[in-house]
Amino acid sequence: MWTDLQREGIALAIFALTCLLALAMSANLGSVCTLVGNPQNMIIGQLSGLPFGRFTLELLPAAAAGSNLFSNVPFVLVAGQWLPHFADPPLMWKVMALATTFAGNLTLLGSVANLIVVESARGHLEVGFWDYARYGILVTLLTLAAGLGLLLAVAG
Protein backbone atom coordinates (compact mmCIF):
# COMPACT_ATOMS: atom_id res chain seq x y z
CA MET A 1 0.00 0.00 0.00
CA TRP A 2 0.98 3.65 0.07
CA THR A 3 3.05 5.22 2.80
CA ASP A 4 2.00 8.47 4.44
CA LEU A 5 4.82 10.25 2.63
CA GLN A 6 3.67 8.91 -0.76
CA ARG A 7 0.07 9.97 -0.07
CA GLU A 8 1.24 13.45 0.92
CA GLY A 9 3.33 13.66 -2.25
CA ILE A 10 0.38 12.68 -4.43
CA ALA A 11 -1.89 15.19 -2.67
CA LEU A 12 0.72 17.93 -3.13
CA ALA A 13 1.13 17.08 -6.84
CA ILE A 14 -2.64 17.23 -7.40
CA PHE A 15 -2.83 20.58 -5.57
CA ALA A 16 0.08 21.98 -7.61
CA LEU A 17 -1.46 20.79 -10.87
CA THR A 18 -4.76 22.44 -9.96
CA CYS A 19 -3.01 25.73 -9.15
CA LEU A 20 -0.97 25.68 -12.37
CA LEU A 21 -4.01 24.96 -14.54
CA ALA A 22 -5.98 27.71 -12.79
CA LEU A 23 -3.14 30.17 -13.42
CA ALA A 24 -2.89 29.38 -17.12
CA MET A 25 -6.64 29.34 -17.67
CA SER A 26 -7.25 32.56 -15.75
CA ALA A 27 -4.75 34.35 -17.99
CA ASN A 28 -6.87 33.32 -20.98
CA LEU A 29 -10.17 34.21 -19.29
CA GLY A 30 -8.95 37.60 -18.15
CA SER A 31 -7.61 38.60 -21.54
CA VAL A 32 -11.05 38.49 -23.17
CA CYS A 33 -12.13 41.74 -21.46
CA THR A 34 -10.32 44.35 -23.52
CA LEU A 35 -9.19 45.10 -27.02
CA VAL A 36 -5.59 44.94 -25.80
CA GLY A 37 -6.04 41.71 -23.79
CA ASN A 38 -4.64 39.55 -26.56
CA PRO A 39 -3.56 39.88 -30.20
CA GLN A 40 -6.80 38.59 -31.73
CA ASN A 41 -8.82 41.21 -29.81
CA MET A 42 -6.57 43.94 -31.22
CA ILE A 43 -7.33 42.68 -34.72
CA ILE A 44 -11.04 42.47 -33.88
CA GLY A 45 -10.95 46.06 -32.62
CA GLN A 46 -9.35 47.34 -35.78
CA LEU A 47 -11.54 45.37 -38.20
CA SER A 48 -14.81 45.91 -36.32
CA GLY A 49 -14.43 49.58 -35.42
CA LEU A 50 -15.80 48.86 -31.91
CA PRO A 51 -14.79 51.55 -29.40
CA PHE A 52 -12.51 50.37 -26.59
CA GLY A 53 -14.90 51.23 -23.75
CA ARG A 54 -17.94 49.66 -25.40
CA PHE A 55 -16.02 46.46 -26.16
CA THR A 56 -14.78 46.22 -22.57
CA LEU A 57 -18.15 46.97 -20.94
CA GLU A 58 -20.01 44.48 -23.11
CA LEU A 59 -17.47 41.67 -22.68
CA LEU A 60 -16.73 42.22 -18.99
CA PRO A 61 -19.72 40.14 -17.75
CA ALA A 62 -18.71 37.25 -20.00
CA ALA A 63 -15.11 37.37 -18.79
CA ALA A 64 -16.15 37.63 -15.15
CA ALA A 65 -18.27 34.46 -15.49
CA GLY A 66 -15.99 32.48 -17.06
CA SER A 67 -9.20 27.64 -32.01
CA ASN A 68 -7.09 24.98 -31.10
CA LEU A 69 -7.25 23.73 -34.65
CA PHE A 70 -5.93 27.03 -35.93
CA SER A 71 -4.02 29.64 -34.05
CA ASN A 72 -6.32 32.36 -32.72
CA VAL A 73 -4.71 35.26 -34.55
CA PRO A 74 -4.72 33.75 -38.08
CA PHE A 75 -8.27 32.48 -37.51
CA VAL A 76 -9.48 35.98 -36.58
CA LEU A 77 -7.77 37.44 -39.65
CA VAL A 78 -9.53 34.97 -41.94
CA ALA A 79 -12.92 34.70 -40.21
CA GLY A 80 -13.10 38.45 -39.66
CA GLN A 81 -13.84 38.85 -43.35
CA TRP A 82 -17.09 36.89 -42.93
CA LEU A 83 -18.52 38.81 -39.96
CA PRO A 84 -19.80 41.90 -41.82
CA HIS A 85 -22.25 39.58 -43.61
CA PHE A 86 -24.00 38.53 -40.37
CA ALA A 87 -27.24 40.17 -39.20
CA ASP A 88 -25.51 41.75 -36.17
CA PRO A 89 -21.80 42.23 -36.99
CA PRO A 90 -20.88 44.02 -33.72
CA LEU A 91 -22.30 41.12 -31.71
CA MET A 92 -20.46 38.60 -33.88
CA TRP A 93 -17.15 40.43 -33.31
CA LYS A 94 -17.71 40.05 -29.57
CA VAL A 95 -18.67 36.40 -29.93
CA MET A 96 -15.47 35.78 -31.91
CA ALA A 97 -13.37 37.56 -29.27
CA LEU A 98 -14.97 35.46 -26.55
CA ALA A 99 -14.69 32.17 -28.41
CA THR A 100 -11.13 32.59 -29.69
CA THR A 101 -9.91 33.60 -26.23
CA PHE A 102 -11.74 30.99 -24.17
CA ALA A 103 -10.80 28.28 -26.69
CA GLY A 104 -7.20 28.80 -25.58
CA ASN A 105 -8.07 26.80 -22.47
CA LEU A 106 -9.07 23.69 -24.42
CA THR A 107 -5.62 22.10 -24.70
CA LEU A 108 -2.09 22.69 -23.54
CA LEU A 109 -1.22 24.01 -27.01
CA GLY A 110 -4.20 26.39 -27.14
CA SER A 111 -2.39 29.35 -25.61
CA VAL A 112 1.15 30.53 -25.04
CA ALA A 113 0.14 31.21 -21.41
CA ASN A 114 -0.55 27.50 -20.95
CA LEU A 115 2.89 26.58 -22.26
CA ILE A 116 4.65 29.19 -20.11
CA VAL A 117 3.00 27.96 -16.92
CA VAL A 118 3.63 24.28 -17.63
CA GLU A 119 7.22 24.92 -18.68
CA SER A 120 7.79 26.96 -15.51
CA ALA A 121 6.61 23.99 -13.46
CA ARG A 122 9.02 21.58 -15.12
CA GLY A 123 11.27 20.02 -12.52
CA HIS A 124 8.57 20.34 -9.89
CA LEU A 125 5.64 18.78 -11.69
CA GLU A 126 5.09 17.21 -15.09
CA VAL A 127 1.87 18.21 -16.87
CA GLY A 128 1.19 16.28 -20.05
CA PHE A 129 -1.18 17.04 -22.91
CA TRP A 130 -3.96 14.81 -21.56
CA ASP A 131 -3.40 15.94 -17.94
CA TYR A 132 -4.18 19.46 -19.11
CA ALA A 133 -6.97 18.47 -21.52
CA ARG A 134 -8.84 16.62 -18.76
CA TYR A 135 -9.52 20.00 -17.14
CA GLY A 136 -9.19 22.26 -20.17
CA ILE A 137 -12.05 20.67 -22.10
CA LEU A 138 -14.45 21.07 -19.19
CA VAL A 139 -13.34 24.63 -18.41
CA THR A 140 -13.64 25.61 -22.08
CA LEU A 141 -17.13 24.18 -22.49
CA LEU A 142 -18.40 25.76 -19.28
CA THR A 143 -16.87 29.19 -19.89
CA LEU A 144 -18.02 29.29 -23.51
CA ALA A 145 -21.58 28.39 -22.50
CA ALA A 146 -21.66 30.89 -19.62
CA GLY A 147 -19.87 33.62 -21.57
CA LEU A 148 -22.06 33.27 -24.62
CA GLY A 149 -25.18 33.26 -22.47
CA LEU A 150 -24.11 36.46 -20.71
CA LEU A 151 -23.00 38.10 -23.94
CA LEU A 152 -26.37 37.39 -25.57
CA ALA A 153 -28.23 38.56 -22.46
CA VAL A 154 -26.30 41.86 -22.40
CA ALA A 155 -26.83 42.30 -26.15
CA GLY A 156 -30.55 42.03 -25.49
C-alpha atoms as a PDB file:
ATOM      1  CA  MET A   1       0.000   0.000   0.000  1.00  0.00           C
ATOM      2  CA  TRP A   2       0.982   3.650   0.066  1.00  0.00           C
ATOM      3  CA  THR A   3       3.048   5.220   2.801  1.00  0.00           C
ATOM      4  CA  ASP A   4       1.997   8.475   4.442  1.00  0.00           C
ATOM      5  CA  LEU A   5       4.820  10.253   2.628  1.00  0.00           C
ATOM      6  CA  GLN A   6       3.667   8.905  -0.756  1.00  0.00           C
ATOM      7  CA  ARG A   7       0.066   9.967  -0.070  1.00  0.00           C
ATOM      8  CA  GLU A   8       1.240  13.445   0.922  1.00  0.00           C
ATOM      9  CA  GLY A   9       3.335  13.659  -2.246  1.00  0.00           C
ATOM     10  CA  ILE A  10       0.376  12.680  -4.428  1.00  0.00           C
ATOM     11  CA  ALA A  11      -1.890  15.188  -2.671  1.00  0.00           C
ATOM     12  CA  LEU A  12       0.721  17.931  -3.134  1.00  0.00           C
ATOM     13  CA  ALA A  13       1.134  17.079  -6.837  1.00  0.00           C
ATOM     14  CA  ILE A  14      -2.639  17.235  -7.401  1.00  0.00           C
ATOM     15  CA  PHE A  15      -2.831  20.580  -5.573  1.00  0.00           C
ATOM     16  CA  ALA A  16       0.078  21.977  -7.609  1.00  0.00           C
ATOM     17  CA  LEU A  17      -1.463  20.786 -10.874  1.00  0.00           C
ATOM     18  CA  THR A  18      -4.759  22.438  -9.964  1.00  0.00           C
ATOM     19  CA  CYS A  19      -3.008  25.728  -9.149  1.00  0.00           C
ATOM     20  CA  LEU A  20      -0.972  25.682 -12.373  1.00  0.00           C
ATOM     21  CA  LEU A  21      -4.006  24.961 -14.537  1.00  0.00           C
ATOM     22  CA  ALA A  22      -5.983  27.711 -12.793  1.00  0.00           C
ATOM     23  CA  LEU A  23      -3.135  30.171 -13.418  1.00  0.00           C
ATOM     24  CA  ALA A  24      -2.886  29.382 -17.120  1.00  0.00           C
ATOM     25  CA  MET A  25      -6.636  29.340 -17.672  1.00  0.00           C
ATOM     26  CA  SER A  26      -7.253  32.559 -15.747  1.00  0.00           C
ATOM     27  CA  ALA A  27      -4.751  34.348 -17.986  1.00  0.00           C
ATOM     28  CA  ASN A  28      -6.874  33.318 -20.976  1.00  0.00           C
ATOM     29  CA  LEU A  29     -10.170  34.209 -19.293  1.00  0.00           C
ATOM     30  CA  GLY A  30      -8.947  37.601 -18.147  1.00  0.00           C
ATOM     31  CA  SER A  31      -7.608  38.603 -21.541  1.00  0.00           C
ATOM     32  CA  VAL A  32     -11.047  38.491 -23.166  1.00  0.00           C
ATOM     33  CA  CYS A  33     -12.126  41.742 -21.465  1.00  0.00           C
ATOM     34  CA  THR A  34     -10.321  44.353 -23.517  1.00  0.00           C
ATOM     35  CA  LEU A  35      -9.194  45.103 -27.021  1.00  0.00           C
ATOM     36  CA  VAL A  36      -5.590  44.942 -25.804  1.00  0.00           C
ATOM     37  CA  GLY A  37      -6.042  41.713 -23.793  1.00  0.00           C
ATOM     38  CA  ASN A  38      -4.641  39.551 -26.559  1.00  0.00           C
ATOM     39  CA  PRO A  39      -3.562  39.880 -30.203  1.00  0.00           C
ATOM     40  CA  GLN A  40      -6.803  38.591 -31.725  1.00  0.00           C
ATOM     41  CA  ASN A  41      -8.818  41.213 -29.812  1.00  0.00           C
ATOM     42  CA  MET A  42      -6.566  43.944 -31.219  1.00  0.00           C
ATOM     43  CA  ILE A  43      -7.329  42.678 -34.717  1.00  0.00           C
ATOM     44  CA  ILE A  44     -11.037  42.472 -33.882  1.00  0.00           C
ATOM     45  CA  GLY A  45     -10.952  46.060 -32.616  1.00  0.00           C
ATOM     46  CA  GLN A  46      -9.348  47.341 -35.784  1.00  0.00           C
ATOM     47  CA  LEU A  47     -11.536  45.372 -38.197  1.00  0.00           C
ATOM     48  CA  SER A  48     -14.815  45.912 -36.320  1.00  0.00           C
ATOM     49  CA  GLY A  49     -14.433  49.576 -35.422  1.00  0.00           C
ATOM     50  CA  LEU A  50     -15.800  48.862 -31.913  1.00  0.00           C
ATOM     51  CA  PRO A  51     -14.790  51.550 -29.395  1.00  0.00           C
ATOM     52  CA  PHE A  52     -12.506  50.371 -26.587  1.00  0.00           C
ATOM     53  CA  GLY A  53     -14.904  51.234 -23.747  1.00  0.00           C
ATOM     54  CA  ARG A  54     -17.937  49.657 -25.401  1.00  0.00           C
ATOM     55  CA  PHE A  55     -16.020  46.462 -26.165  1.00  0.00           C
ATOM     56  CA  THR A  56     -14.785  46.217 -22.570  1.00  0.00           C
ATOM     57  CA  LEU A  57     -18.154  46.965 -20.945  1.00  0.00           C
ATOM     58  CA  GLU A  58     -20.012  44.483 -23.106  1.00  0.00           C
ATOM     59  CA  LEU A  59     -17.473  41.674 -22.676  1.00  0.00           C
ATOM     60  CA  LEU A  60     -16.729  42.218 -18.986  1.00  0.00           C
ATOM     61  CA  PRO A  61     -19.717  40.139 -17.751  1.00  0.00           C
ATOM     62  CA  ALA A  62     -18.708  37.255 -20.005  1.00  0.00           C
ATOM     63  CA  ALA A  63     -15.110  37.368 -18.791  1.00  0.00           C
ATOM     64  CA  ALA A  64     -16.151  37.626 -15.149  1.00  0.00           C
ATOM     65  CA  ALA A  65     -18.269  34.462 -15.491  1.00  0.00           C
ATOM     66  CA  GLY A  66     -15.994  32.481 -17.065  1.00  0.00           C
ATOM     67  CA  SER A  67      -9.197  27.640 -32.009  1.00  0.00           C
ATOM     68  CA  ASN A  68      -7.086  24.984 -31.097  1.00  0.00           C
ATOM     69  CA  LEU A  69      -7.250  23.728 -34.646  1.00  0.00           C
ATOM     70  CA  PHE A  70      -5.933  27.030 -35.927  1.00  0.00           C
ATOM     71  CA  SER A  71      -4.016  29.635 -34.050  1.00  0.00           C
ATOM     72  CA  ASN A  72      -6.316  32.359 -32.723  1.00  0.00           C
ATOM     73  CA  VAL A  73      -4.714  35.263 -34.548  1.00  0.00           C
ATOM     74  CA  PRO A  74      -4.725  33.750 -38.077  1.00  0.00           C
ATOM     75  CA  PHE A  75      -8.267  32.478 -37.511  1.00  0.00           C
ATOM     76  CA  VAL A  76      -9.477  35.979 -36.582  1.00  0.00           C
ATOM     77  CA  LEU A  77      -7.768  37.436 -39.646  1.00  0.00           C
ATOM     78  CA  VAL A  78      -9.532  34.967 -41.939  1.00  0.00           C
ATOM     79  CA  ALA A  79     -12.917  34.700 -40.213  1.00  0.00           C
ATOM     80  CA  GLY A  80     -13.100  38.454 -39.659  1.00  0.00           C
ATOM     81  CA  GLN A  81     -13.840  38.853 -43.349  1.00  0.00           C
ATOM     82  CA  TRP A  82     -17.094  36.893 -42.925  1.00  0.00           C
ATOM     83  CA  LEU A  83     -18.515  38.815 -39.961  1.00  0.00           C
ATOM     84  CA  PRO A  84     -19.804  41.903 -41.824  1.00  0.00           C
ATOM     85  CA  HIS A  85     -22.249  39.577 -43.610  1.00  0.00           C
ATOM     86  CA  PHE A  86     -24.002  38.534 -40.373  1.00  0.00           C
ATOM     87  CA  ALA A  87     -27.244  40.171 -39.203  1.00  0.00           C
ATOM     88  CA  ASP A  88     -25.507  41.747 -36.173  1.00  0.00           C
ATOM     89  CA  PRO A  89     -21.803  42.231 -36.994  1.00  0.00           C
ATOM     90  CA  PRO A  90     -20.883  44.024 -33.716  1.00  0.00           C
ATOM     91  CA  LEU A  91     -22.305  41.116 -31.714  1.00  0.00           C
ATOM     92  CA  MET A  92     -20.458  38.603 -33.878  1.00  0.00           C
ATOM     93  CA  TRP A  93     -17.150  40.426 -33.310  1.00  0.00           C
ATOM     94  CA  LYS A  94     -17.710  40.053 -29.573  1.00  0.00           C
ATOM     95  CA  VAL A  95     -18.671  36.395 -29.928  1.00  0.00           C
ATOM     96  CA  MET A  96     -15.473  35.783 -31.907  1.00  0.00           C
ATOM     97  CA  ALA A  97     -13.371  37.562 -29.270  1.00  0.00           C
ATOM     98  CA  LEU A  98     -14.970  35.461 -26.549  1.00  0.00           C
ATOM     99  CA  ALA A  99     -14.692  32.172 -28.414  1.00  0.00           C
ATOM    100  CA  THR A 100     -11.130  32.591 -29.687  1.00  0.00           C
ATOM    101  CA  THR A 101      -9.906  33.604 -26.234  1.00  0.00           C
ATOM    102  CA  PHE A 102     -11.740  30.987 -24.172  1.00  0.00           C
ATOM    103  CA  ALA A 103     -10.795  28.281 -26.691  1.00  0.00           C
ATOM    104  CA  GLY A 104      -7.199  28.799 -25.578  1.00  0.00           C
ATOM    105  CA  ASN A 105      -8.070  26.799 -22.466  1.00  0.00           C
ATOM    106  CA  LEU A 106      -9.074  23.688 -24.415  1.00  0.00           C
ATOM    107  CA  THR A 107      -5.624  22.104 -24.697  1.00  0.00           C
ATOM    108  CA  LEU A 108      -2.092  22.685 -23.543  1.00  0.00           C
ATOM    109  CA  LEU A 109      -1.220  24.008 -27.013  1.00  0.00           C
ATOM    110  CA  GLY A 110      -4.198  26.390 -27.141  1.00  0.00           C
ATOM    111  CA  SER A 111      -2.391  29.346 -25.613  1.00  0.00           C
ATOM    112  CA  VAL A 112       1.147  30.528 -25.039  1.00  0.00           C
ATOM    113  CA  ALA A 113       0.142  31.212 -21.408  1.00  0.00           C
ATOM    114  CA  ASN A 114      -0.545  27.496 -20.948  1.00  0.00           C
ATOM    115  CA  LEU A 115       2.894  26.576 -22.263  1.00  0.00           C
ATOM    116  CA  ILE A 116       4.648  29.188 -20.111  1.00  0.00           C
ATOM    117  CA  VAL A 117       2.995  27.960 -16.916  1.00  0.00           C
ATOM    118  CA  VAL A 118       3.629  24.275 -17.632  1.00  0.00           C
ATOM    119  CA  GLU A 119       7.219  24.919 -18.684  1.00  0.00           C
ATOM    120  CA  SER A 120       7.793  26.961 -15.511  1.00  0.00           C
ATOM    121  CA  ALA A 121       6.607  23.993 -13.457  1.00  0.00           C
ATOM    122  CA  ARG A 122       9.021  21.578 -15.121  1.00  0.00           C
ATOM    123  CA  GLY A 123      11.274  20.017 -12.521  1.00  0.00           C
ATOM    124  CA  HIS A 124       8.571  20.342  -9.891  1.00  0.00           C
ATOM    125  CA  LEU A 125       5.643  18.785 -11.692  1.00  0.00           C
ATOM    126  CA  GLU A 126       5.095  17.214 -15.091  1.00  0.00           C
ATOM    127  CA  VAL A 127       1.873  18.211 -16.869  1.00  0.00           C
ATOM    128  CA  GLY A 128       1.186  16.279 -20.051  1.00  0.00           C
ATOM    129  CA  PHE A 129      -1.180  17.039 -22.910  1.00  0.00           C
ATOM    130  CA  TRP A 130      -3.963  14.807 -21.556  1.00  0.00           C
ATOM    131  CA  ASP A 131      -3.397  15.944 -17.944  1.00  0.00           C
ATOM    132  CA  TYR A 132      -4.182  19.459 -19.111  1.00  0.00           C
ATOM    133  CA  ALA A 133      -6.972  18.465 -21.519  1.00  0.00           C
ATOM    134  CA  ARG A 134      -8.840  16.618 -18.765  1.00  0.00           C
ATOM    135  CA  TYR A 135      -9.523  20.003 -17.138  1.00  0.00           C
ATOM    136  CA  GLY A 136      -9.195  22.260 -20.166  1.00  0.00           C
ATOM    137  CA  ILE A 137     -12.047  20.668 -22.102  1.00  0.00           C
ATOM    138  CA  LEU A 138     -14.454  21.065 -19.190  1.00  0.00           C
ATOM    139  CA  VAL A 139     -13.345  24.629 -18.413  1.00  0.00           C
ATOM    140  CA  THR A 140     -13.637  25.611 -22.081  1.00  0.00           C
ATOM    141  CA  LEU A 141     -17.130  24.176 -22.490  1.00  0.00           C
ATOM    142  CA  LEU A 142     -18.402  25.761 -19.275  1.00  0.00           C
ATOM    143  CA  THR A 143     -16.872  29.194 -19.886  1.00  0.00           C
ATOM    144  CA  LEU A 144     -18.016  29.293 -23.506  1.00  0.00           C
ATOM    145  CA  ALA A 145     -21.576  28.394 -22.502  1.00  0.00           C
ATOM    146  CA  ALA A 146     -21.661  30.886 -19.622  1.00  0.00           C
ATOM    147  CA  GLY A 147     -19.871  33.617 -21.570  1.00  0.00           C
ATOM    148  CA  LEU A 148     -22.059  33.269 -24.624  1.00  0.00           C
ATOM    149  CA  GLY A 149     -25.185  33.256 -22.474  1.00  0.00           C
ATOM    150  CA  LEU A 150     -24.110  36.455 -20.710  1.00  0.00           C
ATOM    151  CA  LEU A 151     -23.004  38.098 -23.937  1.00  0.00           C
ATOM    152  CA  LEU A 152     -26.367  37.393 -25.571  1.00  0.00           C
ATOM    153  CA  ALA A 153     -28.232  38.558 -22.461  1.00  0.00           C
ATOM    154  CA  VAL A 154     -26.302  41.862 -22.400  1.00  0.00           C
ATOM    155  CA  ALA A 155     -26.826  42.304 -26.149  1.00  0.00           C
ATOM    156  CA  GLY A 156     -30.547  42.030 -25.488  1.00  0.00           C
END
